[in-house]
Amino acid sequence: ECAAVVDEYAPVIAQKIFQGFPASVICSDIGLCSSKKAAIKTKAQGGIGCTVCTVIIGYAEDYLGSNATLAQIETFLNTTVCDLLPSFLR
């Protein structure tokens, strides 16, 4: 699950982390989590993709800090982040 999210969305996630967007906005923007308005209207839940997305972004922010470059964020997403997750989410 993590590898699939990273493979598909790493450049977009990295750019949005670099720009300072929170995980909830990033994951909603790429379609893995429902926005609050959409969730209220449709009562949809984000599911495992939303959870994985939020955790990935949290790890990236925690490990890299706010001074990371775009390249460092993307490298971390592509090489490290999935190894930090439990095996069933990788």
PDB file of N, CA and C in Angstrom:
ATOM      1  N   GLU A   1       0.822  -1.199   0.000  1.00  0.00           N
ATOM      2  CA  GLU A   1       0.000   0.000   0.000  1.00  0.00           C
ATOM      3  C   GLU A   1       0.863   1.259   0.000  1.00  0.00           C
ATOM      4  N   CYS A   2       1.858   1.308   0.858  1.00  0.00           N
ATOM      5  CA  CYS A   2       2.748   2.465   0.918  1.00  0.00           C
ATOM      6  C   CYS A   2       3.480   2.641  -0.407  1.00  0.00           C
ATOM      7  N   ALA A   3       4.058   1.567  -0.911  1.00  0.00           N
ATOM      8  CA  ALA A   3       4.813   1.654  -2.163  1.00  0.00           C
ATOM      9  C   ALA A   3       3.939   2.156  -3.304  1.00  0.00           C
ATOM     10  N   ALA A   4       2.697   1.723  -3.352  1.00  0.00           N
ATOM     11  CA  ALA A   4       1.790   2.161  -4.407  1.00  0.00           C
ATOM     12  C   ALA A   4       1.516   3.660  -4.300  1.00  0.00           C
ATOM     13  N   VAL A   5       1.290   4.142  -3.079  1.00  0.00           N
ATOM     14  CA  VAL A   5       1.041   5.575  -2.862  1.00  0.00           C
ATOM     15  C   VAL A   5       2.278   6.378  -3.251  1.00  0.00           C
ATOM     16  N   VAL A   6       3.446   5.940  -2.783  1.00  0.00           N
ATOM     17  CA  VAL A   6       4.688   6.664  -3.072  1.00  0.00           C
ATOM     18  C   VAL A   6       4.989   6.650  -4.565  1.00  0.00           C
ATOM     19  N   ASP A   7       4.851   5.487  -5.204  1.00  0.00           N
ATOM     20  CA  ASP A   7       5.134   5.391  -6.635  1.00  0.00           C
ATOM     21  C   ASP A   7       4.280   6.358  -7.444  1.00  0.00           C
ATOM     22  N   GLU A   8       3.032   6.472  -7.076  1.00  0.00           N
ATOM     23  CA  GLU A   8       2.119   7.294  -7.858  1.00  0.00           C
ATOM     24  C   GLU A   8       2.181   8.773  -7.504  1.00  0.00           C
ATOM     25  N   TYR A   9       2.383   9.083  -6.225  1.00  0.00           N
ATOM     26  CA  TYR A   9       2.195  10.462  -5.787  1.00  0.00           C
ATOM     27  C   TYR A   9       3.425  11.156  -5.204  1.00  0.00           C
ATOM     28  N   ALA A  10       4.585  10.520  -5.159  1.00  0.00           N
ATOM     29  CA  ALA A  10       5.757  11.107  -4.492  1.00  0.00           C
ATOM     30  C   ALA A  10       6.078  12.535  -4.938  1.00  0.00           C
ATOM     31  N   PRO A  11       6.130  12.821  -6.237  1.00  0.00           N
ATOM     32  CA  PRO A  11       6.469  14.197  -6.621  1.00  0.00           C
ATOM     33  C   PRO A  11       5.463  15.237  -6.119  1.00  0.00           C
ATOM     34  N   VAL A  12       4.183  14.907  -6.201  1.00  0.00           N
ATOM     35  CA  VAL A  12       3.147  15.837  -5.747  1.00  0.00           C
ATOM     36  C   VAL A  12       3.192  15.987  -4.228  1.00  0.00           C
ATOM     37  N   ILE A  13       3.317  14.877  -3.516  1.00  0.00           N
ATOM     38  CA  ILE A  13       3.397  14.919  -2.057  1.00  0.00           C
ATOM     39  C   ILE A  13       4.617  15.725  -1.632  1.00  0.00           C
ATOM     40  N   ALA A  14       5.761  15.474  -2.249  1.00  0.00           N
ATOM     41  CA  ALA A  14       6.981  16.192  -1.896  1.00  0.00           C
ATOM     42  C   ALA A  14       6.812  17.696  -2.099  1.00  0.00           C
ATOM     43  N   GLN A  15       6.243  18.076  -3.225  1.00  0.00           N
ATOM     44  CA  GLN A  15       6.035  19.498  -3.520  1.00  0.00           C
ATOM     45  C   GLN A  15       5.130  20.148  -2.481  1.00  0.00           C
ATOM     46  N   LYS A  16       4.061  19.475  -2.124  1.00  0.00           N
ATOM     47  CA  LYS A  16       3.109  20.054  -1.170  1.00  0.00           C
ATOM     48  C   LYS A  16       3.693  20.099   0.250  1.00  0.00           C
ATOM     49  N   ILE A  17       4.476  19.088   0.631  1.00  0.00           N
ATOM     50  CA  ILE A  17       5.160  19.135   1.928  1.00  0.00           C
ATOM     51  C   ILE A  17       6.118  20.316   1.931  1.00  0.00           C
ATOM     52  N   PHE A  18       6.877  20.471   0.855  1.00  0.00           N
ATOM     53  CA  PHE A  18       7.835  21.559   0.712  1.00  0.00           C
ATOM     54  C   PHE A  18       7.136  22.916   0.839  1.00  0.00           C
ATOM     55  N   GLN A  19       5.925  23.012   0.311  1.00  0.00           N
ATOM     56  CA  GLN A  19       5.156  24.256   0.366  1.00  0.00           C
ATOM     57  C   GLN A  19       4.478  24.467   1.720  1.00  0.00           C
ATOM     58  N   GLY A  20       4.546  23.457   2.599  1.00  0.00           N
ATOM     59  CA  GLY A  20       4.025  23.615   3.945  1.00  0.00           C
ATOM     60  C   GLY A  20       2.582  23.211   4.162  1.00  0.00           C
ATOM     61  N   PHE A  21       1.994  22.514   3.208  1.00  0.00           N
ATOM     62  CA  PHE A  21       0.615  22.068   3.378  1.00  0.00           C
ATOM     63  C   PHE A  21       0.546  20.951   4.418  1.00  0.00           C
ATOM     64  N   PRO A  22      -0.522  20.904   5.232  1.00  0.00           N
ATOM     65  CA  PRO A  22      -0.677  19.804   6.193  1.00  0.00           C
ATOM     66  C   PRO A  22      -1.115  18.516   5.504  1.00  0.00           C
ATOM     67  N   ALA A  23      -0.893  17.406   6.175  1.00  0.00           N
ATOM     68  CA  ALA A  23      -1.223  16.086   5.622  1.00  0.00           C
ATOM     69  C   ALA A  23      -2.675  16.000   5.178  1.00  0.00           C
ATOM     70  N   SER A  24      -3.589  16.532   5.957  1.00  0.00           N
ATOM     71  CA  SER A  24      -5.006  16.427   5.609  1.00  0.00           C
ATOM     72  C   SER A  24      -5.307  17.083   4.264  1.00  0.00           C
ATOM     73  N   VAL A  25      -4.677  18.207   3.983  1.00  0.00           N
ATOM     74  CA  VAL A  25      -4.887  18.907   2.717  1.00  0.00           C
ATOM     75  C   VAL A  25      -4.231  18.143   1.576  1.00  0.00           C
ATOM     76  N   ILE A  26      -2.998  17.697   1.790  1.00  0.00           N
ATOM     77  CA  ILE A  26      -2.271  16.974   0.743  1.00  0.00           C
ATOM     78  C   ILE A  26      -3.027  15.715   0.342  1.00  0.00           C
ATOM     79  N   CYS A  27      -3.412  14.918   1.323  1.00  0.00           N
ATOM     80  CA  CYS A  27      -4.085  13.647   1.029  1.00  0.00           C
ATOM     81  C   CYS A  27      -5.455  13.859   0.403  1.00  0.00           C
ATOM     82  N   SER A  28      -6.117  14.923   0.780  1.00  0.00           N
ATOM     83  CA  SER A  28      -7.397  15.262   0.165  1.00  0.00           C
ATOM     84  C   SER A  28      -7.186  15.718  -1.279  1.00  0.00           C
ATOM     85  N   ASP A  29      -6.160  16.551  -1.508  1.00  0.00           N
ATOM     86  CA  ASP A  29      -5.885  17.067  -2.848  1.00  0.00           C
ATOM     87  C   ASP A  29      -5.564  15.954  -3.849  1.00  0.00           C
ATOM     88  N   ILE A  30      -4.866  14.917  -3.392  1.00  0.00           N
ATOM     89  CA  ILE A  30      -4.525  13.836  -4.330  1.00  0.00           C
ATOM     90  C   ILE A  30      -5.603  12.749  -4.377  1.00  0.00           C
ATOM     91  N   GLY A  31      -6.674  12.949  -3.622  1.00  0.00           N
ATOM     92  CA  GLY A  31      -7.826  12.065  -3.716  1.00  0.00           C
ATOM     93  C   GLY A  31      -7.796  10.833  -2.832  1.00  0.00           C
ATOM     94  N   LEU A  32      -6.884  10.798  -1.853  1.00  0.00           N
ATOM     95  CA  LEU A  32      -6.819   9.630  -0.978  1.00  0.00           C
ATOM     96  C   LEU A  32      -7.630   9.806   0.303  1.00  0.00           C
ATOM     97  N   CYS A  33      -7.960  11.026   0.630  1.00  0.00           N
ATOM     98  CA  CYS A  33      -8.819  11.305   1.792  1.00  0.00           C
ATOM     99  C   CYS A  33      -9.939  12.224   1.329  1.00  0.00           C
ATOM    100  N   SER A  34     -11.089  12.048   1.913  1.00  0.00           N
ATOM    101  CA  SER A  34     -12.215  12.912   1.594  1.00  0.00           C
ATOM    102  C   SER A  34     -12.036  14.245   2.296  1.00  0.00           C
ATOM    103  N   SER A  35     -12.410  15.306   1.607  1.00  0.00           N
ATOM    104  CA  SER A  35     -12.426  16.600   2.275  1.00  0.00           C
ATOM    105  C   SER A  35     -13.559  16.580   3.286  1.00  0.00           C
ATOM    106  N   LYS A  36     -13.501  17.466   4.258  1.00  0.00           N
ATOM    107  CA  LYS A  36     -14.546  17.496   5.281  1.00  0.00           C
ATOM    108  C   LYS A  36     -15.913  17.755   4.662  1.00  0.00           C
ATOM    109  N   LYS A  37     -15.987  18.669   3.700  1.00  0.00           N
ATOM    110  CA  LYS A  37     -17.266  18.957   3.049  1.00  0.00           C
ATOM    111  C   LYS A  37     -17.790  17.734   2.312  1.00  0.00           C
ATOM    112  N   ALA A  38     -16.914  17.068   1.562  1.00  0.00           N
ATOM    113  CA  ALA A  38     -17.338  15.881   0.818  1.00  0.00           C
ATOM    114  C   ALA A  38     -17.726  14.766   1.771  1.00  0.00           C
ATOM    115  N   ALA A  39     -16.992  14.619   2.864  1.00  0.00           N
ATOM    116  CA  ALA A  39     -17.286  13.566   3.832  1.00  0.00           C
ATOM    117  C   ALA A  39     -18.645  13.797   4.472  1.00  0.00           C
ATOM    118  N   ILE A  40     -18.966  15.049   4.733  1.00  0.00           N
ATOM    119  CA  ILE A  40     -20.271  15.366   5.327  1.00  0.00           C
ATOM    120  C   ILE A  40     -21.376  15.069   4.328  1.00  0.00           C
ATOM    121  N   LYS A  41     -21.171  15.456   3.068  1.00  0.00           N
ATOM    122  CA  LYS A  41     -22.192  15.245   2.045  1.00  0.00           C
ATOM    123  C   LYS A  41     -22.391  13.773   1.721  1.00  0.00           C
ATOM    124  N   THR A  42     -21.286  13.034   1.582  1.00  0.00           N
ATOM    125  CA  THR A  42     -21.398  11.658   1.120  1.00  0.00           C
ATOM    126  C   THR A  42     -21.217  10.629   2.225  1.00  0.00           C
ATOM    127  N   LYS A  43     -20.780  11.089   3.377  1.00  0.00           N
ATOM    128  CA  LYS A  43     -20.453  10.214   4.509  1.00  0.00           C
ATOM    129  C   LYS A  43     -19.400   9.191   4.119  1.00  0.00           C
ATOM    130  N   ALA A  44     -18.545   9.566   3.153  1.00  0.00           N
ATOM    131  CA  ALA A  44     -17.468   8.673   2.706  1.00  0.00           C
ATOM    132  C   ALA A  44     -16.343   8.678   3.725  1.00  0.00           C
ATOM    133  N   GLN A  45     -15.680   7.553   3.850  1.00  0.00           N
ATOM    134  CA  GLN A  45     -14.514   7.468   4.709  1.00  0.00           C
ATOM    135  C   GLN A  45     -13.306   7.226   3.832  1.00  0.00           C
ATOM    136  N   GLY A  46     -12.158   7.750   4.264  1.00  0.00           N
ATOM    137  CA  GLY A  46     -10.956   7.695   3.454  1.00  0.00           C
ATOM    138  C   GLY A  46     -10.386   6.310   3.272  1.00  0.00           C
ATOM    139  N   GLY A  47     -10.530   5.413   4.244  1.00  0.00           N
ATOM    140  CA  GLY A  47     -10.015   4.072   4.110  1.00  0.00           C
ATOM    141  C   GLY A  47      -8.517   3.987   4.304  1.00  0.00           C
ATOM    142  N   ILE A  48      -7.943   2.852   3.898  1.00  0.00           N
ATOM    143  CA  ILE A  48      -6.530   2.564   4.139  1.00  0.00           C
ATOM    144  C   ILE A  48      -5.632   3.515   3.363  1.00  0.00           C
ATOM    145  N   GLY A  49      -6.001   3.911   2.159  1.00  0.00           N
ATOM    146  CA  GLY A  49      -5.192   4.850   1.389  1.00  0.00           C
ATOM    147  C   GLY A  49      -5.024   6.173   2.101  1.00  0.00           C
ATOM    148  N   CYS A  50      -6.079   6.652   2.714  1.00  0.00           N
ATOM    149  CA  CYS A  50      -6.032   7.896   3.477  1.00  0.00           C
ATOM    150  C   CYS A  50      -5.098   7.745   4.674  1.00  0.00           C
ATOM    151  N   THR A  51      -5.217   6.644   5.380  1.00  0.00           N
ATOM    152  CA  THR A  51      -4.373   6.391   6.553  1.00  0.00           C
ATOM    153  C   THR A  51      -2.908   6.325   6.154  1.00  0.00           C
ATOM    154  N   VAL A  52      -2.601   5.572   5.107  1.00  0.00           N
ATOM    155  CA  VAL A  52      -1.228   5.439   4.645  1.00  0.00           C
ATOM    156  C   VAL A  52      -0.686   6.803   4.221  1.00  0.00           C
ATOM    157  N   CYS A  53      -1.451   7.552   3.473  1.00  0.00           N
ATOM    158  CA  CYS A  53      -1.032   8.871   3.018  1.00  0.00           C
ATOM    159  C   CYS A  53      -0.691   9.777   4.202  1.00  0.00           C
ATOM    160  N   THR A  54      -1.571   9.826   5.173  1.00  0.00           N
ATOM    161  CA  THR A  54      -1.369  10.676   6.347  1.00  0.00           C
ATOM    162  C   THR A  54      -0.129  10.257   7.131  1.00  0.00           C
ATOM    163  N   VAL A  55       0.074   8.963   7.308  1.00  0.00           N
ATOM    164  CA  VAL A  55       1.243   8.456   8.035  1.00  0.00           C
ATOM    165  C   VAL A  55       2.527   8.772   7.275  1.00  0.00           C
ATOM    166  N   ILE A  56       2.523   8.577   5.958  1.00  0.00           N
ATOM    167  CA  ILE A  56       3.695   8.870   5.133  1.00  0.00           C
ATOM    168  C   ILE A  56       4.107  10.329   5.297  1.00  0.00           C
ATOM    169  N   ILE A  57       3.156  11.208   5.204  1.00  0.00           N
ATOM    170  CA  ILE A  57       3.453  12.638   5.308  1.00  0.00           C
ATOM    171  C   ILE A  57       3.932  12.985   6.717  1.00  0.00           C
ATOM    172  N   GLY A  58       3.312  12.392   7.713  1.00  0.00           N
ATOM    173  CA  GLY A  58       3.755  12.622   9.092  1.00  0.00           C
ATOM    174  C   GLY A  58       5.197  12.195   9.303  1.00  0.00           C
ATOM    175  N   TYR A  59       5.556  11.027   8.802  1.00  0.00           N
ATOM    176  CA  TYR A  59       6.945  10.560   8.916  1.00  0.00           C
ATOM    177  C   TYR A  59       7.898  11.510   8.190  1.00  0.00           C
ATOM    178  N   ALA A  60       7.527  11.925   6.991  1.00  0.00           N
ATOM    179  CA  ALA A  60       8.392  12.823   6.230  1.00  0.00           C
ATOM    180  C   ALA A  60       8.613  14.125   6.984  1.00  0.00           C
ATOM    181  N   GLU A  61       7.554  14.682   7.524  1.00  0.00           N
ATOM    182  CA  GLU A  61       7.676  15.934   8.279  1.00  0.00           C
ATOM    183  C   GLU A  61       8.514  15.751   9.537  1.00  0.00           C
ATOM    184  N   ASP A  62       8.288  14.663  10.250  1.00  0.00           N
ATOM    185  CA  ASP A  62       9.021  14.408  11.498  1.00  0.00           C
ATOM    186  C   ASP A  62      10.504  14.162  11.249  1.00  0.00           C
ATOM    187  N   TYR A  63      10.819  13.344  10.264  1.00  0.00           N
ATOM    188  CA  TYR A  63      12.211  12.960  10.016  1.00  0.00           C
ATOM    189  C   TYR A  63      13.014  14.045   9.312  1.00  0.00           C
ATOM    190  N   LEU A  64      12.364  14.815   8.466  1.00  0.00           N
ATOM    191  CA  LEU A  64      13.094  15.780   7.665  1.00  0.00           C
ATOM    192  C   LEU A  64      13.076  17.193   8.237  1.00  0.00           C
ATOM    193  N   GLY A  65      12.081  17.512   9.036  1.00  0.00           N
ATOM    194  CA  GLY A  65      11.989  18.863   9.580  1.00  0.00           C
ATOM    195  C   GLY A  65      11.562  19.866   8.524  1.00  0.00           C
ATOM    196  N   SER A  66      11.500  21.106   8.907  1.00  0.00           N
ATOM    197  CA  SER A  66      10.957  22.133   8.023  1.00  0.00           C
ATOM    198  C   SER A  66      11.985  22.712   7.056  1.00  0.00           C
ATOM    199  N   ASN A  67      13.253  22.385   7.220  1.00  0.00           N
ATOM    200  CA  ASN A  67      14.282  22.941   6.337  1.00  0.00           C
ATOM    201  C   ASN A  67      14.688  22.013   5.201  1.00  0.00           C
ATOM    202  N   ALA A  68      13.965  20.940   5.004  1.00  0.00           N
ATOM    203  CA  ALA A  68      14.307  19.981   3.958  1.00  0.00           C
ATOM    204  C   ALA A  68      14.071  20.576   2.578  1.00  0.00           C
ATOM    205  N   THR A  69      14.915  20.201   1.656  1.00  0.00           N
ATOM    206  CA  THR A  69      14.725  20.629   0.272  1.00  0.00           C
ATOM    207  C   THR A  69      13.710  19.709  -0.406  1.00  0.00           C
ATOM    208  N   LEU A  70      13.236  20.139  -1.528  1.00  0.00           N
ATOM    209  CA  LEU A  70      12.306  19.327  -2.307  1.00  0.00           C
ATOM    210  C   LEU A  70      12.957  17.992  -2.673  1.00  0.00           C
ATOM    211  N   ALA A  71      14.208  18.010  -3.070  1.00  0.00           N
ATOM    212  CA  ALA A  71      14.924  16.785  -3.432  1.00  0.00           C
ATOM    213  C   ALA A  71      15.056  15.845  -2.239  1.00  0.00           C
ATOM    214  N   GLN A  72      15.341  16.381  -1.058  1.00  0.00           N
ATOM    215  CA  GLN A  72      15.457  15.539   0.142  1.00  0.00           C
ATOM    216  C   GLN A  72      14.125  14.890   0.483  1.00  0.00           C
ATOM    217  N   ILE A  73      13.050  15.634   0.352  1.00  0.00           N
ATOM    218  CA  ILE A  73      11.718  15.088   0.648  1.00  0.00           C
ATOM    219  C   ILE A  73      11.388  13.961  -0.322  1.00  0.00           C
ATOM    220  N   GLU A  74      11.619  14.205  -1.601  1.00  0.00           N
ATOM    221  CA  GLU A  74      11.288  13.183  -2.602  1.00  0.00           C
ATOM    222  C   GLU A  74      12.157  11.940  -2.421  1.00  0.00           C
ATOM    223  N   THR A  75      13.427  12.114  -2.128  1.00  0.00           N
ATOM    224  CA  THR A  75      14.315  10.976  -1.882  1.00  0.00           C
ATOM    225  C   THR A  75      13.846  10.184  -0.674  1.00  0.00           C
ATOM    226  N   PHE A  76      13.490  10.869   0.394  1.00  0.00           N
ATOM    227  CA  PHE A  76      12.988  10.197   1.591  1.00  0.00           C
ATOM    228  C   PHE A  76      11.731   9.397   1.268  1.00  0.00           C
ATOM    229  N   LEU A  77      10.814   9.993   0.527  1.00  0.00           N
ATOM    230  CA  LEU A  77       9.585   9.291   0.158  1.00  0.00           C
ATOM    231  C   LEU A  77       9.893   8.051  -0.678  1.00  0.00           C
ATOM    232  N   ASN A  78      10.818   8.174  -1.616  1.00  0.00           N
ATOM    233  CA  ASN A  78      11.117   7.069  -2.532  1.00  0.00           C
ATOM    234  C   ASN A  78      12.005   5.979  -1.947  1.00  0.00           C
ATOM    235  N   THR A  79      12.779   6.279  -0.911  1.00  0.00           N
ATOM    236  CA  THR A  79      13.761   5.294  -0.434  1.00  0.00           C
ATOM    237  C   THR A  79      13.589   4.852   1.012  1.00  0.00           C
ATOM    238  N   THR A  80      12.918   5.632   1.838  1.00  0.00           N
ATOM    239  CA  THR A  80      12.945   5.360   3.274  1.00  0.00           C
ATOM    240  C   THR A  80      11.581   5.169   3.915  1.00  0.00           C
ATOM    241  N   VAL A  81      10.631   5.984   3.579  1.00  0.00           N
ATOM    242  CA  VAL A  81       9.395   6.077   4.352  1.00  0.00           C
ATOM    243  C   VAL A  81       8.657   4.747   4.484  1.00  0.00           C
ATOM    244  N   CYS A  82       8.567   3.970   3.441  1.00  0.00           N
ATOM    245  CA  CYS A  82       7.801   2.717   3.513  1.00  0.00           C
ATOM    246  C   CYS A  82       8.449   1.709   4.454  1.00  0.00           C
ATOM    247  N   ASP A  83       9.765   1.761   4.599  1.00  0.00           N
ATOM    248  CA  ASP A  83      10.451   0.856   5.525  1.00  0.00           C
ATOM    249  C   ASP A  83      10.108   1.140   6.980  1.00  0.00           C
ATOM    250  N   LEU A  84       9.585   2.326   7.254  1.00  0.00           N
ATOM    251  CA  LEU A  84       9.233   2.704   8.623  1.00  0.00           C
ATOM    252  C   LEU A  84       7.855   2.191   9.032  1.00  0.00           C
ATOM    253  N   LEU A  85       7.056   1.808   8.060  1.00  0.00           N
ATOM    254  CA  LEU A  85       5.684   1.368   8.331  1.00  0.00           C
ATOM    255  C   LEU A  85       5.635  -0.118   8.659  1.00  0.00           C
ATOM    256  N   PRO A  86       4.580  -0.533   9.359  1.00  0.00           N
ATOM    257  CA  PRO A  86       4.386  -1.974   9.586  1.00  0.00           C
ATOM    258  C   PRO A  86       4.279  -2.707   8.238  1.00  0.00           C
ATOM    259  N   SER A  87       4.698  -3.951   8.206  1.00  0.00           N
ATOM    260  CA  SER A  87       4.772  -4.689   6.945  1.00  0.00           C
ATOM    261  C   SER A  87       3.451  -4.747   6.171  1.00  0.00           C
ATOM    262  N   PHE A  88       2.314  -4.800   6.863  1.00  0.00           N
ATOM    263  CA  PHE A  88       1.035  -4.911   6.149  1.00  0.00           C
ATOM    264  C   PHE A  88       0.673  -3.621   5.404  1.00  0.00           C
ATOM    265  N   LEU A  89       1.347  -2.511   5.698  1.00  0.00           N
ATOM    266  CA  LEU A  89       1.085  -1.255   4.997  1.00  0.00           C
ATOM    267  C   LEU A  89       2.108  -0.966   3.908  1.00  0.00           C
ATOM    268  N   ARG A  90       3.167  -1.755   3.843  1.00  0.00           N
ATOM    269  CA  ARG A  90       4.217  -1.497   2.850  1.00  0.00           C
ATOM    270  C   ARG A  90       3.711  -1.845   1.473  1.00  0.00           C
TER     271      ARG A  90
END
